[in-house]
Amino acid sequence: MNFIELFGYLGSFLVILSMLMNSMTKLRIINTAGCIICVIYALIIKSYPVAVMNGALAIINIVKLVLRKQ
């Protein structure tokens, strides 16, 4: 297993970990970090549909976090 695969697994782990959070804010922050890592990983391996999906999820999380603070 190389570094790029480990990087991808880290992103997946963070997305899974985020689902265990009781706080919606913590869930969105951890999920966003995982999504961003998954986007980078997907771009490296040229898996554009995965990059688009995770990018969209990261944007949704960020928007929800910003709107929640207002």
C-alpha atoms as a PDB file:
ATOM      1  CA  MET A   1       0.000   0.000   0.000  1.00  0.00           C
ATOM      2  CA  ASN A   2       1.453   3.347  -1.013  1.00  0.00           C
ATOM      3  CA  PHE A   3       1.043   6.860   0.391  1.00  0.00           C
ATOM      4  CA  ILE A   4      -1.667   7.847  -2.096  1.00  0.00           C
ATOM      5  CA  GLU A   5      -3.852   4.891  -1.065  1.00  0.00           C
ATOM      6  CA  LEU A   6      -3.300   5.684   2.617  1.00  0.00           C
ATOM      7  CA  PHE A   7      -4.329   9.282   1.898  1.00  0.00           C
ATOM      8  CA  GLY A   8      -7.549   8.024   0.310  1.00  0.00           C
ATOM      9  CA  TYR A   9      -8.244   5.765   3.277  1.00  0.00           C
ATOM     10  CA  LEU A  10      -7.712   8.716   5.637  1.00  0.00           C
ATOM     11  CA  GLY A  11     -10.398  10.670   3.804  1.00  0.00           C
ATOM     12  CA  SER A  12     -12.785   7.727   3.961  1.00  0.00           C
ATOM     13  CA  PHE A  13     -12.035   7.206   7.644  1.00  0.00           C
ATOM     14  CA  LEU A  14     -12.840  10.840   8.433  1.00  0.00           C
ATOM     15  CA  VAL A  15     -16.140  10.650   6.542  1.00  0.00           C
ATOM     16  CA  ILE A  16     -17.071   7.496   8.489  1.00  0.00           C
ATOM     17  CA  LEU A  17     -15.901   9.014  11.780  1.00  0.00           C
ATOM     18  CA  SER A  18     -18.026  12.090  11.177  1.00  0.00           C
ATOM     19  CA  MET A  19     -21.161   9.917  11.174  1.00  0.00           C
ATOM     20  CA  LEU A  20     -20.438   9.010  14.802  1.00  0.00           C
ATOM     21  CA  MET A  21     -20.610  12.625  15.994  1.00  0.00           C
ATOM     22  CA  ASN A  22     -23.558  13.745  18.103  1.00  0.00           C
ATOM     23  CA  SER A  23     -22.963  17.417  17.353  1.00  0.00           C
ATOM     24  CA  MET A  24     -24.017  18.541  13.885  1.00  0.00           C
ATOM     25  CA  THR A  25     -21.236  21.148  13.868  1.00  0.00           C
ATOM     26  CA  LYS A  26     -18.543  18.539  14.618  1.00  0.00           C
ATOM     27  CA  LEU A  27     -20.078  16.198  12.058  1.00  0.00           C
ATOM     28  CA  ARG A  28     -19.932  18.843   9.333  1.00  0.00           C
ATOM     29  CA  ILE A  29     -16.370  19.944  10.185  1.00  0.00           C
ATOM     30  CA  ILE A  30     -14.952  16.404  10.218  1.00  0.00           C
ATOM     31  CA  ASN A  31     -16.996  15.416   7.170  1.00  0.00           C
ATOM     32  CA  THR A  32     -15.737  18.467   5.275  1.00  0.00           C
ATOM     33  CA  ALA A  33     -12.126  17.549   6.062  1.00  0.00           C
ATOM     34  CA  GLY A  34     -12.757  14.006   4.853  1.00  0.00           C
ATOM     35  CA  CYS A  35     -14.481  15.233   1.697  1.00  0.00           C
ATOM     36  CA  ILE A  36     -11.627  17.590   0.842  1.00  0.00           C
ATOM     37  CA  ILE A  37      -9.087  14.798   1.293  1.00  0.00           C
ATOM     38  CA  CYS A  38     -11.258  12.535  -0.880  1.00  0.00           C
ATOM     39  CA  VAL A  39     -11.423  15.240  -3.568  1.00  0.00           C
ATOM     40  CA  ILE A  40      -7.634  15.507  -3.643  1.00  0.00           C
ATOM     41  CA  TYR A  41      -7.278  11.727  -3.727  1.00  0.00           C
ATOM     42  CA  ALA A  42      -9.880  11.381  -6.493  1.00  0.00           C
ATOM     43  CA  LEU A  43      -8.132  14.020  -8.604  1.00  0.00           C
ATOM     44  CA  ILE A  44      -4.787  12.250  -8.154  1.00  0.00           C
ATOM     45  CA  ILE A  45      -6.242   8.948  -9.366  1.00  0.00           C
ATOM     46  CA  LYS A  46      -8.334  10.736 -12.031  1.00  0.00           C
ATOM     47  CA  SER A  47     -11.680   9.625 -10.609  1.00  0.00           C
ATOM     48  CA  TYR A  48     -13.589  12.758 -11.530  1.00  0.00           C
ATOM     49  CA  PRO A  49     -17.105  11.615 -10.543  1.00  0.00           C
ATOM     50  CA  VAL A  50     -15.869  10.880  -7.010  1.00  0.00           C
ATOM     51  CA  ALA A  51     -14.132  14.276  -6.895  1.00  0.00           C
ATOM     52  CA  VAL A  52     -17.301  16.078  -8.014  1.00  0.00           C
ATOM     53  CA  MET A  53     -19.485  14.285  -5.446  1.00  0.00           C
ATOM     54  CA  ASN A  54     -17.126  14.946  -2.543  1.00  0.00           C
ATOM     55  CA  GLY A  55     -16.569  18.522  -3.675  1.00  0.00           C
ATOM     56  CA  ALA A  56     -20.323  19.101  -3.700  1.00  0.00           C
ATOM     57  CA  LEU A  57     -20.665  17.573  -0.241  1.00  0.00           C
ATOM     58  CA  ALA A  58     -17.858  19.760   1.086  1.00  0.00           C
ATOM     59  CA  ILE A  59     -19.556  22.880  -0.323  1.00  0.00           C
ATOM     60  CA  ILE A  60     -22.890  21.864   1.220  1.00  0.00           C
ATOM     61  CA  ASN A  61     -21.220  21.322   4.591  1.00  0.00           C
ATOM     62  CA  ILE A  62     -19.457  24.692   4.447  1.00  0.00           C
ATOM     63  CA  VAL A  63     -22.639  26.536   3.462  1.00  0.00           C
ATOM     64  CA  LYS A  64     -24.588  24.850   6.268  1.00  0.00           C
ATOM     65  CA  LEU A  65     -21.846  25.731   8.772  1.00  0.00           C
ATOM     66  CA  VAL A  66     -21.795  29.379   7.664  1.00  0.00           C
ATOM     67  CA  LEU A  67     -25.597  29.729   7.719  1.00  0.00           C
ATOM     68  CA  ARG A  68     -25.761  28.073  11.145  1.00  0.00           C
ATOM     69  CA  LYS A  69     -23.477  30.756  12.637  1.00  0.00           C
ATOM     70  CA  GLN A  70     -25.682  33.634  11.427  1.00  0.00           C
END
